Amino acid sequence: MAGTLHIFRRNDTPLEFQANYNLGAASWVQVFDPVGLEHFLHLGTGLAADTVDAILAEVRHKGSTTHAPVSISEAHLAEMGFAESPSDE
């Protein structure tokens, strides 16, 4: 099952981004520096390089982006350091 990835700029100094991954009623969150975000998108999401580049460009330009579908297993999210967060449902 695929979920939705929301990324937004959290801080300007130091520059930080927050990634929220929603899969059904479950949500996970992690904060990244710019290098960590790029590393996660290229290696942790399974997305094509051109899609990752477009996501990075949008978050840098607009401050946020949403992308779906993204397939990341719950076990893999935990391995990458994502914390499960309360869902609105």
PDB file of N, CA and C in Angstrom:
ATOM      1  N   MET A   1       0.838  -1.176   0.000  1.00  0.00           N
ATOM      2  CA  MET A   1       0.000   0.000   0.000  1.00  0.00           C
ATOM      3  C   MET A   1       0.888   1.247   0.000  1.00  0.00           C
ATOM      4  N   ALA A   2       0.529   2.221  -0.777  1.00  0.00           N
ATOM      5  CA  ALA A   2       1.320   3.450  -0.891  1.00  0.00           C
ATOM      6  C   ALA A   2       0.712   4.549  -0.036  1.00  0.00           C
ATOM      7  N   GLY A   3       1.572   5.463   0.398  1.00  0.00           N
ATOM      8  CA  GLY A   3       1.144   6.577   1.221  1.00  0.00           C
ATOM      9  C   GLY A   3       1.469   7.918   0.584  1.00  0.00           C
ATOM     10  N   THR A   4       1.332   8.954   1.378  1.00  0.00           N
ATOM     11  CA  THR A   4       1.574  10.320   0.934  1.00  0.00           C
ATOM     12  C   THR A   4       2.705  10.922   1.747  1.00  0.00           C
ATOM     13  N   LEU A   5       3.626  11.561   1.049  1.00  0.00           N
ATOM     14  CA  LEU A   5       4.781  12.192   1.665  1.00  0.00           C
ATOM     15  C   LEU A   5       4.609  13.711   1.615  1.00  0.00           C
ATOM     16  N   HIS A   6       4.609  14.341   2.781  1.00  0.00           N
ATOM     17  CA  HIS A   6       4.526  15.801   2.895  1.00  0.00           C
ATOM     18  C   HIS A   6       5.874  16.277   3.447  1.00  0.00           C
ATOM     19  N   ILE A   7       6.471  17.257   2.795  1.00  0.00           N
ATOM     20  CA  ILE A   7       7.747  17.814   3.256  1.00  0.00           C
ATOM     21  C   ILE A   7       7.604  19.323   3.336  1.00  0.00           C
ATOM     22  N   PHE A   8       8.089  19.903   4.426  1.00  0.00           N
ATOM     23  CA  PHE A   8       8.066  21.355   4.532  1.00  0.00           C
ATOM     24  C   PHE A   8       9.302  21.856   5.262  1.00  0.00           C
ATOM     25  N   ARG A   9       9.640  23.128   4.977  1.00  0.00           N
ATOM     26  CA  ARG A   9      10.760  23.771   5.662  1.00  0.00           C
ATOM     27  C   ARG A   9      10.317  24.067   7.089  1.00  0.00           C
ATOM     28  N   ARG A  10      11.078  23.585   8.027  1.00  0.00           N
ATOM     29  CA  ARG A  10      10.732  23.741   9.440  1.00  0.00           C
ATOM     30  C   ARG A  10      11.467  24.915  10.067  1.00  0.00           C
ATOM     31  N   ASN A  11      12.733  25.106   9.701  1.00  0.00           N
ATOM     32  CA  ASN A  11      13.585  26.167  10.245  1.00  0.00           C
ATOM     33  C   ASN A  11      14.466  26.710   9.140  1.00  0.00           C
ATOM     34  N   ASP A  12      14.781  27.991   9.238  1.00  0.00           N
ATOM     35  CA  ASP A  12      15.743  28.581   8.307  1.00  0.00           C
ATOM     36  C   ASP A  12      17.157  28.558   8.872  1.00  0.00           C
ATOM     37  N   THR A  13      17.287  28.689  10.209  1.00  0.00           N
ATOM     38  CA  THR A  13      18.604  28.695  10.847  1.00  0.00           C
ATOM     39  C   THR A  13      18.547  27.834  12.090  1.00  0.00           C
ATOM     40  N   PRO A  14      19.125  26.651  12.100  1.00  0.00           N
ATOM     41  CA  PRO A  14      19.719  25.981  10.946  1.00  0.00           C
ATOM     42  C   PRO A  14      18.616  25.480  10.015  1.00  0.00           C
ATOM     43  N   LEU A  15      18.958  25.343   8.748  1.00  0.00           N
ATOM     44  CA  LEU A  15      17.984  24.893   7.760  1.00  0.00           C
ATOM     45  C   LEU A  15      17.575  23.458   8.057  1.00  0.00           C
ATOM     46  N   GLU A  16      16.269  23.260   8.291  1.00  0.00           N
ATOM     47  CA  GLU A  16      15.723  21.936   8.590  1.00  0.00           C
ATOM     48  C   GLU A  16      14.425  21.735   7.823  1.00  0.00           C
ATOM     49  N   PHE A  17      14.184  20.481   7.481  1.00  0.00           N
ATOM     50  CA  PHE A  17      12.951  20.096   6.808  1.00  0.00           C
ATOM     51  C   PHE A  17      12.289  18.995   7.614  1.00  0.00           C
ATOM     52  N   GLN A  18      10.961  19.008   7.628  1.00  0.00           N
ATOM     53  CA  GLN A  18      10.218  17.937   8.283  1.00  0.00           C
ATOM     54  C   GLN A  18       9.515  17.131   7.219  1.00  0.00           C
ATOM     55  N   ALA A  19       9.639  15.809   7.305  1.00  0.00           N
ATOM     56  CA  ALA A  19       8.950  14.896   6.405  1.00  0.00           C
ATOM     57  C   ALA A  19       7.887  14.154   7.200  1.00  0.00           C
ATOM     58  N   ASN A  20       6.663  14.213   6.722  1.00  0.00           N
ATOM     59  CA  ASN A  20       5.543  13.469   7.306  1.00  0.00           C
ATOM     60  C   ASN A  20       5.101  12.449   6.267  1.00  0.00           C
ATOM     61  N   TYR A  21       4.990  11.201   6.692  1.00  0.00           N
ATOM     62  CA  TYR A  21       4.537  10.140   5.791  1.00  0.00           C
ATOM     63  C   TYR A  21       3.235   9.587   6.348  1.00  0.00           C
ATOM     64  N   ASN A  22       2.187   9.631   5.549  1.00  0.00           N
ATOM     65  CA  ASN A  22       0.873   9.145   5.960  1.00  0.00           C
ATOM     66  C   ASN A  22       0.529   7.902   5.154  1.00  0.00           C
ATOM     67  N   LEU A  23       0.166   6.852   5.888  1.00  0.00           N
ATOM     68  CA  LEU A  23      -0.203   5.580   5.271  1.00  0.00           C
ATOM     69  C   LEU A  23      -1.492   5.122   5.941  1.00  0.00           C
ATOM     70  N   GLY A  24      -2.611   5.325   5.262  1.00  0.00           N
ATOM     71  CA  GLY A  24      -3.898   5.013   5.872  1.00  0.00           C
ATOM     72  C   GLY A  24      -4.105   5.890   7.089  1.00  0.00           C
ATOM     73  N   ALA A  25      -4.398   5.253   8.227  1.00  0.00           N
ATOM     74  CA  ALA A  25      -4.636   6.003   9.460  1.00  0.00           C
ATOM     75  C   ALA A  25      -3.357   6.243  10.256  1.00  0.00           C
ATOM     76  N   ALA A  26      -2.221   5.749   9.774  1.00  0.00           N
ATOM     77  CA  ALA A  26      -0.947   5.874  10.486  1.00  0.00           C
ATOM     78  C   ALA A  26      -0.109   7.007   9.893  1.00  0.00           C
ATOM     79  N   SER A  27       0.665   7.673  10.775  1.00  0.00           N
ATOM     80  CA  SER A  27       1.537   8.766  10.341  1.00  0.00           C
ATOM     81  C   SER A  27       2.901   8.627  10.996  1.00  0.00           C
ATOM     82  N   TRP A  28       3.941   9.034  10.272  1.00  0.00           N
ATOM     83  CA  TRP A  28       5.307   9.043  10.791  1.00  0.00           C
ATOM     84  C   TRP A  28       5.941  10.382  10.480  1.00  0.00           C
ATOM     85  N   VAL A  29       6.923  10.775  11.304  1.00  0.00           N
ATOM     86  CA  VAL A  29       7.552  12.082  11.142  1.00  0.00           C
ATOM     87  C   VAL A  29       9.053  11.977  11.397  1.00  0.00           C
ATOM     88  N   GLN A  30       9.822  12.783  10.671  1.00  0.00           N
ATOM     89  CA  GLN A  30      11.251  12.906  10.924  1.00  0.00           C
ATOM     90  C   GLN A  30      11.719  14.274  10.435  1.00  0.00           C
ATOM     91  N   VAL A  31      12.703  14.838  11.147  1.00  0.00           N
ATOM     92  CA  VAL A  31      13.312  16.117  10.779  1.00  0.00           C
ATOM     93  C   VAL A  31      14.672  15.837  10.157  1.00  0.00           C
ATOM     94  N   PHE A  32      14.969  16.531   9.049  1.00  0.00           N
ATOM     95  CA  PHE A  32      16.211  16.343   8.303  1.00  0.00           C
ATOM     96  C   PHE A  32      16.921  17.665   8.081  1.00  0.00           C
ATOM     97  N   ASP A  33      18.251  17.623   8.013  1.00  0.00           N
ATOM     98  CA  ASP A  33      18.990  18.738   7.447  1.00  0.00           C
ATOM     99  C   ASP A  33      18.938  18.552   5.927  1.00  0.00           C
ATOM    100  N   PRO A  34      19.400  19.524   5.135  1.00  0.00           N
ATOM    101  CA  PRO A  34      19.287  19.406   3.687  1.00  0.00           C
ATOM    102  C   PRO A  34      19.951  18.144   3.112  1.00  0.00           C
ATOM    103  N   VAL A  35      21.120  17.795   3.603  1.00  0.00           N
ATOM    104  CA  VAL A  35      21.816  16.604   3.095  1.00  0.00           C
ATOM    105  C   VAL A  35      21.049  15.338   3.462  1.00  0.00           C
ATOM    106  N   GLY A  36      20.549  15.283   4.688  1.00  0.00           N
ATOM    107  CA  GLY A  36      19.773  14.124   5.122  1.00  0.00           C
ATOM    108  C   GLY A  36      18.489  13.950   4.331  1.00  0.00           C
ATOM    109  N   LEU A  37      17.811  15.065   4.016  1.00  0.00           N
ATOM    110  CA  LEU A  37      16.595  14.993   3.218  1.00  0.00           C
ATOM    111  C   LEU A  37      16.891  14.443   1.837  1.00  0.00           C
ATOM    112  N   GLU A  38      17.924  14.960   1.210  1.00  0.00           N
ATOM    113  CA  GLU A  38      18.282  14.476  -0.126  1.00  0.00           C
ATOM    114  C   GLU A  38      18.641  12.988  -0.083  1.00  0.00           C
ATOM    115  N   HIS A  39      19.393  12.582   0.923  1.00  0.00           N
ATOM    116  CA  HIS A  39      19.774  11.175   1.088  1.00  0.00           C
ATOM    117  C   HIS A  39      18.523  10.298   1.256  1.00  0.00           C
ATOM    118  N   PHE A  40      17.608  10.714   2.128  1.00  0.00           N
ATOM    119  CA  PHE A  40      16.368   9.969   2.339  1.00  0.00           C
ATOM    120  C   PHE A  40      15.577   9.834   1.042  1.00  0.00           C
ATOM    121  N   LEU A  41      15.393  10.937   0.332  1.00  0.00           N
ATOM    122  CA  LEU A  41      14.586  10.887  -0.888  1.00  0.00           C
ATOM    123  C   LEU A  41      15.210   9.986  -1.948  1.00  0.00           C
ATOM    124  N   HIS A  42      16.524  10.060  -2.105  1.00  0.00           N
ATOM    125  CA  HIS A  42      17.186   9.241  -3.133  1.00  0.00           C
ATOM    126  C   HIS A  42      17.250   7.770  -2.756  1.00  0.00           C
ATOM    127  N   LEU A  43      17.485   7.471  -1.476  1.00  0.00           N
ATOM    128  CA  LEU A  43      17.733   6.082  -1.097  1.00  0.00           C
ATOM    129  C   LEU A  43      16.585   5.416  -0.330  1.00  0.00           C
ATOM    130  N   GLY A  44      15.704   6.187   0.281  1.00  0.00           N
ATOM    131  CA  GLY A  44      14.687   5.593   1.132  1.00  0.00           C
ATOM    132  C   GLY A  44      13.295   5.521   0.560  1.00  0.00           C
ATOM    133  N   THR A  45      13.048   6.182  -0.561  1.00  0.00           N
ATOM    134  CA  THR A  45      11.676   6.251  -1.070  1.00  0.00           C
ATOM    135  C   THR A  45      11.415   5.387  -2.288  1.00  0.00           C
ATOM    136  N   GLY A  46      12.456   4.988  -2.998  1.00  0.00           N
ATOM    137  CA  GLY A  46      12.254   4.220  -4.222  1.00  0.00           C
ATOM    138  C   GLY A  46      11.772   5.064  -5.385  1.00  0.00           C
ATOM    139  N   LEU A  47      11.799   6.387  -5.242  1.00  0.00           N
ATOM    140  CA  LEU A  47      11.356   7.272  -6.324  1.00  0.00           C
ATOM    141  C   LEU A  47      12.469   7.461  -7.349  1.00  0.00           C
ATOM    142  N   ALA A  48      12.077   7.704  -8.583  1.00  0.00           N
ATOM    143  CA  ALA A  48      13.040   7.957  -9.653  1.00  0.00           C
ATOM    144  C   ALA A  48      13.807   9.243  -9.376  1.00  0.00           C
ATOM    145  N   ALA A  49      15.045   9.301  -9.856  1.00  0.00           N
ATOM    146  CA  ALA A  49      15.916  10.452  -9.608  1.00  0.00           C
ATOM    147  C   ALA A  49      15.288  11.761 -10.088  1.00  0.00           C
ATOM    148  N   ASP A  50      14.615  11.756 -11.234  1.00  0.00           N
ATOM    149  CA  ASP A  50      14.011  12.997 -11.729  1.00  0.00           C
ATOM    150  C   ASP A  50      12.842  13.439 -10.844  1.00  0.00           C
ATOM    151  N   THR A  51      12.124  12.497 -10.260  1.00  0.00           N
ATOM    152  CA  THR A  51      11.048  12.831  -9.331  1.00  0.00           C
ATOM    153  C   THR A  51      11.621  13.428  -8.046  1.00  0.00           C
ATOM    154  N   VAL A  52      12.690  12.829  -7.538  1.00  0.00           N
ATOM    155  CA  VAL A  52      13.358  13.352  -6.345  1.00  0.00           C
ATOM    156  C   VAL A  52      13.863  14.767  -6.599  1.00  0.00           C
ATOM    157  N   ASP A  53      14.479  14.984  -7.747  1.00  0.00           N
ATOM    158  CA  ASP A  53      14.976  16.321  -8.086  1.00  0.00           C
ATOM    159  C   ASP A  53      13.841  17.341  -8.124  1.00  0.00           C
ATOM    160  N   ALA A  54      12.686  16.948  -8.669  1.00  0.00           N
ATOM    161  CA  ALA A  54      11.531  17.851  -8.727  1.00  0.00           C
ATOM    162  C   ALA A  54      10.995  18.144  -7.328  1.00  0.00           C
ATOM    163  N   ILE A  55      10.956  17.134  -6.454  1.00  0.00           N
ATOM    164  CA  ILE A  55      10.504  17.330  -5.078  1.00  0.00           C
ATOM    165  C   ILE A  55      11.441  18.292  -4.350  1.00  0.00           C
ATOM    166  N   LEU A  56      12.739  18.082  -4.481  1.00  0.00           N
ATOM    167  CA  LEU A  56      13.714  18.956  -3.828  1.00  0.00           C
ATOM    168  C   LEU A  56      13.612  20.390  -4.342  1.00  0.00           C
ATOM    169  N   ALA A  57      13.438  20.556  -5.636  1.00  0.00           N
ATOM    170  CA  ALA A  57      13.313  21.897  -6.211  1.00  0.00           C
ATOM    171  C   ALA A  57      12.066  22.602  -5.671  1.00  0.00           C
ATOM    172  N   GLU A  58      10.959  21.868  -5.578  1.00  0.00           N
ATOM    173  CA  GLU A  58       9.723  22.485  -5.092  1.00  0.00           C
ATOM    174  C   GLU A  58       9.822  22.873  -3.623  1.00  0.00           C
ATOM    175  N   VAL A  59      10.396  21.999  -2.793  1.00  0.00           N
ATOM    176  CA  VAL A  59      10.490  22.325  -1.372  1.00  0.00           C
ATOM    177  C   VAL A  59      11.458  23.487  -1.137  1.00  0.00           C
ATOM    178  N   ARG A  60      12.499  23.588  -1.952  1.00  0.00           N
ATOM    179  CA  ARG A  60      13.428  24.722  -1.829  1.00  0.00           C
ATOM    180  C   ARG A  60      12.776  26.013  -2.290  1.00  0.00           C
ATOM    181  N   HIS A  61      11.976  25.949  -3.347  1.00  0.00           N
ATOM    182  CA  HIS A  61      11.362  27.146  -3.918  1.00  0.00           C
ATOM    183  C   HIS A  61      10.118  27.591  -3.145  1.00  0.00           C
ATOM    184  N   LYS A  62       9.219  26.652  -2.848  1.00  0.00           N
ATOM    185  CA  LYS A  62       7.936  26.983  -2.218  1.00  0.00           C
ATOM    186  C   LYS A  62       7.919  26.786  -0.706  1.00  0.00           C
ATOM    187  N   GLY A  63       8.872  25.999  -0.188  1.00  0.00           N
ATOM    188  CA  GLY A  63       8.891  25.736   1.241  1.00  0.00           C
ATOM    189  C   GLY A  63       8.156  24.478   1.651  1.00  0.00           C
ATOM    190  N   SER A  64       7.424  23.869   0.713  1.00  0.00           N
ATOM    191  CA  SER A  64       6.716  22.630   1.023  1.00  0.00           C
ATOM    192  C   SER A  64       6.370  21.897  -0.266  1.00  0.00           C
ATOM    193  N   THR A  65       6.065  20.619  -0.100  1.00  0.00           N
ATOM    194  CA  THR A  65       5.638  19.806  -1.236  1.00  0.00           C
ATOM    195  C   THR A  65       4.901  18.588  -0.710  1.00  0.00           C
ATOM    196  N   THR A  66       4.050  18.027  -1.539  1.00  0.00           N
ATOM    197  CA  THR A  66       3.337  16.789  -1.237  1.00  0.00           C
ATOM    198  C   THR A  66       3.476  15.888  -2.437  1.00  0.00           C
ATOM    199  N   HIS A  67       3.788  14.604  -2.165  1.00  0.00           N
ATOM    200  CA  HIS A  67       3.946  13.655  -3.269  1.00  0.00           C
ATOM    201  C   HIS A  67       3.274  12.335  -2.908  1.00  0.00           C
ATOM    202  N   ALA A  68       2.540  11.792  -3.863  1.00  0.00           N
ATOM    203  CA  ALA A  68       1.905  10.483  -3.699  1.00  0.00           C
ATOM    204  C   ALA A  68       1.777   9.848  -5.078  1.00  0.00           C
ATOM    205  N   PRO A  69       1.791   8.575  -5.200  1.00  0.00           N
ATOM    206  CA  PRO A  69       1.991   7.593  -4.140  1.00  0.00           C
ATOM    207  C   PRO A  69       3.474   7.350  -3.876  1.00  0.00           C
ATOM    208  N   VAL A  70       3.783   7.082  -2.616  1.00  0.00           N
ATOM    209  CA  VAL A  70       5.132   6.720  -2.186  1.00  0.00           C
ATOM    210  C   VAL A  70       4.993   5.454  -1.342  1.00  0.00           C
ATOM    211  N   SER A  71       5.758   4.428  -1.682  1.00  0.00           N
ATOM    212  CA  SER A  71       5.670   3.153  -0.959  1.00  0.00           C
ATOM    213  C   SER A  71       6.874   2.964  -0.049  1.00  0.00           C
ATOM    214  N   ILE A  72       6.637   3.082   1.252  1.00  0.00           N
ATOM    215  CA  ILE A  72       7.663   2.831   2.263  1.00  0.00           C
ATOM    216  C   ILE A  72       7.009   1.967   3.336  1.00  0.00           C
ATOM    217  N   SER A  73       7.622   0.846   3.661  1.00  0.00           N
ATOM    218  CA  SER A  73       7.033  -0.040   4.665  1.00  0.00           C
ATOM    219  C   SER A  73       7.191   0.551   6.064  1.00  0.00           C
ATOM    220  N   GLU A  74       6.287   0.160   6.961  1.00  0.00           N
ATOM    221  CA  GLU A  74       6.358   0.629   8.340  1.00  0.00           C
ATOM    222  C   GLU A  74       7.680   0.236   8.990  1.00  0.00           C
ATOM    223  N   ALA A  75       8.150  -0.977   8.722  1.00  0.00           N
ATOM    224  CA  ALA A  75       9.422  -1.434   9.289  1.00  0.00           C
ATOM    225  C   ALA A  75      10.577  -0.580   8.780  1.00  0.00           C
ATOM    226  N   HIS A  76      10.550  -0.233   7.509  1.00  0.00           N
ATOM    227  CA  HIS A  76      11.617   0.580   6.929  1.00  0.00           C
ATOM    228  C   HIS A  76      11.603   1.999   7.510  1.00  0.00           C
ATOM    229  N   LEU A  77      10.414   2.541   7.747  1.00  0.00           N
ATOM    230  CA  LEU A  77      10.319   3.870   8.357  1.00  0.00           C
ATOM    231  C   LEU A  77      10.988   3.885   9.723  1.00  0.00           C
ATOM    232  N   ALA A  78      10.715   2.867  10.526  1.00  0.00           N
ATOM    233  CA  ALA A  78      11.332   2.783  11.850  1.00  0.00           C
ATOM    234  C   ALA A  78      12.848   2.654  11.738  1.00  0.00           C
ATOM    235  N   GLU A  79      13.318   1.853  10.796  1.00  0.00           N
ATOM    236  CA  GLU A  79      14.767   1.682  10.596  1.00  0.00           C
ATOM    237  C   GLU A  79      15.435   2.987  10.211  1.00  0.00           C
ATOM    238  N   MET A  80      14.715   3.855   9.489  1.00  0.00           N
ATOM    239  CA  MET A  80      15.277   5.130   9.044  1.00  0.00           C
ATOM    240  C   MET A  80      15.141   6.225  10.094  1.00  0.00           C
ATOM    241  N   GLY A  81      14.572   5.898  11.254  1.00  0.00           N
ATOM    242  CA  GLY A  81      14.478   6.874  12.332  1.00  0.00           C
ATOM    243  C   GLY A  81      13.198   7.670  12.393  1.00  0.00           C
ATOM    244  N   PHE A  82      12.196   7.310  11.596  1.00  0.00           N
ATOM    245  CA  PHE A  82      10.914   8.007  11.668  1.00  0.00           C
ATOM    246  C   PHE A  82      10.200   7.615  12.954  1.00  0.00           C
ATOM    247  N   ALA A  83       9.537   8.576  13.571  1.00  0.00           N
ATOM    248  CA  ALA A  83       8.749   8.327  14.781  1.00  0.00           C
ATOM    249  C   ALA A  83       7.281   8.300  14.398  1.00  0.00           C
ATOM    250  N   GLU A  84       6.552   7.330  14.921  1.00  0.00           N
ATOM    251  CA  GLU A  84       5.124   7.286  14.663  1.00  0.00           C
ATOM    252  C   GLU A  84       4.465   8.435  15.414  1.00  0.00           C
ATOM    253  N   SER A  85       3.544   9.115  14.755  1.00  0.00           N
ATOM    254  CA  SER A  85       2.875  10.258  15.377  1.00  0.00           C
ATOM    255  C   SER A  85       1.376  10.025  15.357  1.00  0.00           C
ATOM    256  N   PRO A  86       0.650  10.717  16.231  1.00  0.00           N
ATOM    257  CA  PRO A  86      -0.811  10.555  16.253  1.00  0.00           C
ATOM    258  C   PRO A  86      -1.413  10.990  14.929  1.00  0.00           C
ATOM    259  N   SER A  87      -2.451  10.309  14.513  1.00  0.00           N
ATOM    260  CA  SER A  87      -3.152  10.645  13.274  1.00  0.00           C
ATOM    261  C   SER A  87      -4.424  11.385  13.624  1.00  0.00           C
ATOM    262  N   ASP A  88      -4.950  12.115  12.665  1.00  0.00           N
ATOM    263  CA  ASP A  88      -6.182  12.888  12.876  1.00  0.00           C
ATOM    264  C   ASP A  88      -7.431  12.025  12.887  1.00  0.00           C
ATOM    265  N   GLU A  89      -7.321  10.783  12.452  1.00  0.00           N
ATOM    266  CA  GLU A  89      -8.515   9.940  12.358  1.00  0.00           C
ATOM    267  C   GLU A  89      -8.960   9.431  13.693  1.00  0.00           C
TER     268      GLU A  89
END
